[in-house]
Amino acid sequence: MMKKAAVKKSAMYTVDLTKIDGDGAFPCPKCGVIISPDDETEEVYQIIETKVKGDDLAELMILCNKCGSTIKLTGFLQQSEG
């Protein structure tokens, strides 16, 4: 009898920044830890990928350090155009 290897698969979430009120902070969709754009320590999250269109930031992929979820942040272009 073979045991299946336990594979920890992290979830992928998308957060549209145009739907967030306030200073841009939001809770992680999985664990609820507050992710703030002002936090530069990388204790709560870390940036894993950036996508740029022209000179503008289009998307940002971050990793929640608490639960391991990958979060895609969108809505940058709409904010810069407004």
Protein backbone atom coordinates (compact mmCIF):
# COMPACT_ATOMS: atom_id res chain seq x y z
CA MET A 1 0.00 0.00 0.00
CA MET A 2 1.49 3.31 -1.09
CA LYS A 3 0.98 6.49 0.83
CA LYS A 4 0.15 9.61 -1.09
CA ALA A 5 2.61 12.41 -0.51
CA ALA A 6 1.03 15.36 1.21
CA VAL A 7 1.36 18.27 -1.15
CA LYS A 8 0.70 21.67 0.34
CA LYS A 9 -0.82 23.66 -2.49
CA SER A 10 -1.09 27.38 -1.89
CA ALA A 11 -4.23 29.14 -3.02
CA MET A 12 -4.27 31.91 -5.62
CA TYR A 13 -6.40 34.99 -5.02
CA THR A 14 -6.99 38.21 -6.96
CA VAL A 15 -7.59 41.54 -5.23
CA ASP A 16 -8.79 44.54 -7.25
CA LEU A 17 -7.35 47.65 -5.61
CA THR A 18 -10.07 49.85 -7.14
CA LYS A 19 -12.57 48.13 -4.82
CA ILE A 20 -10.63 48.87 -1.62
CA ASP A 21 -11.44 51.94 0.46
CA GLY A 22 -8.91 53.75 2.60
CA ASP A 23 -5.13 53.59 2.42
CA GLY A 24 -4.89 50.42 0.32
CA ALA A 25 -4.53 47.95 3.19
CA PHE A 26 -6.62 44.78 2.91
CA PRO A 27 -6.95 41.42 4.69
CA CYS A 28 -5.43 38.32 3.15
CA PRO A 29 -8.34 36.49 1.50
CA LYS A 30 -7.34 33.23 3.21
CA CYS A 31 -5.97 33.98 6.69
CA GLY A 32 -7.11 37.59 7.29
CA VAL A 33 -3.72 39.10 8.17
CA ILE A 34 -3.66 42.78 7.20
CA ILE A 35 -1.52 43.48 4.13
CA SER A 36 -0.54 47.14 3.94
CA PRO A 37 1.29 48.94 1.12
CA ASP A 38 3.12 50.91 3.83
CA ASP A 39 4.73 47.73 5.26
CA GLU A 40 8.22 47.51 3.78
CA THR A 41 9.59 44.93 6.25
CA GLU A 42 8.49 41.79 4.32
CA GLU A 43 7.33 40.29 7.63
CA VAL A 44 3.70 39.95 6.47
CA TYR A 45 4.15 39.56 2.72
CA GLN A 46 6.76 39.61 0.00
CA ILE A 47 6.60 40.76 -3.61
CA ILE A 48 7.25 37.86 -5.97
CA GLU A 49 6.47 39.38 -9.40
CA THR A 50 5.67 42.73 -10.99
CA LYS A 51 4.07 43.37 -14.38
CA VAL A 52 4.53 46.76 -16.03
CA LYS A 53 2.73 48.25 -19.05
CA GLY A 54 4.71 51.15 -20.46
CA ASP A 55 5.85 53.13 -17.43
CA ASP A 56 2.90 52.08 -15.25
CA LEU A 57 2.58 49.19 -12.81
CA ALA A 58 -0.13 46.84 -14.11
CA GLU A 59 -0.10 43.91 -11.64
CA LEU A 60 1.74 42.85 -8.54
CA MET A 61 2.02 39.27 -7.28
CA ILE A 62 2.65 38.93 -3.57
CA LEU A 63 3.04 36.00 -1.20
CA CYS A 64 1.40 36.04 2.23
CA ASN A 65 4.08 34.95 4.68
CA LYS A 66 1.50 33.77 7.22
CA CYS A 67 -0.49 31.27 5.13
CA GLY A 68 1.50 30.97 1.89
CA SER A 69 -1.27 32.25 -0.38
CA THR A 70 -0.36 33.95 -3.63
CA ILE A 71 -2.29 37.18 -4.19
CA LYS A 72 -2.48 39.01 -7.52
CA LEU A 73 -3.11 42.73 -7.06
CA THR A 74 -4.83 44.47 -9.97
CA GLY A 75 -6.30 47.93 -10.51
CA PHE A 76 -3.10 49.96 -10.64
CA LEU A 77 -3.71 51.29 -14.15
CA GLN A 78 -7.21 52.53 -13.31
CA GLN A 79 -5.85 54.44 -10.31
CA SER A 80 -3.08 56.14 -12.28
CA GLU A 81 -5.47 57.17 -15.07
CA GLY A 82 -7.99 58.75 -12.70
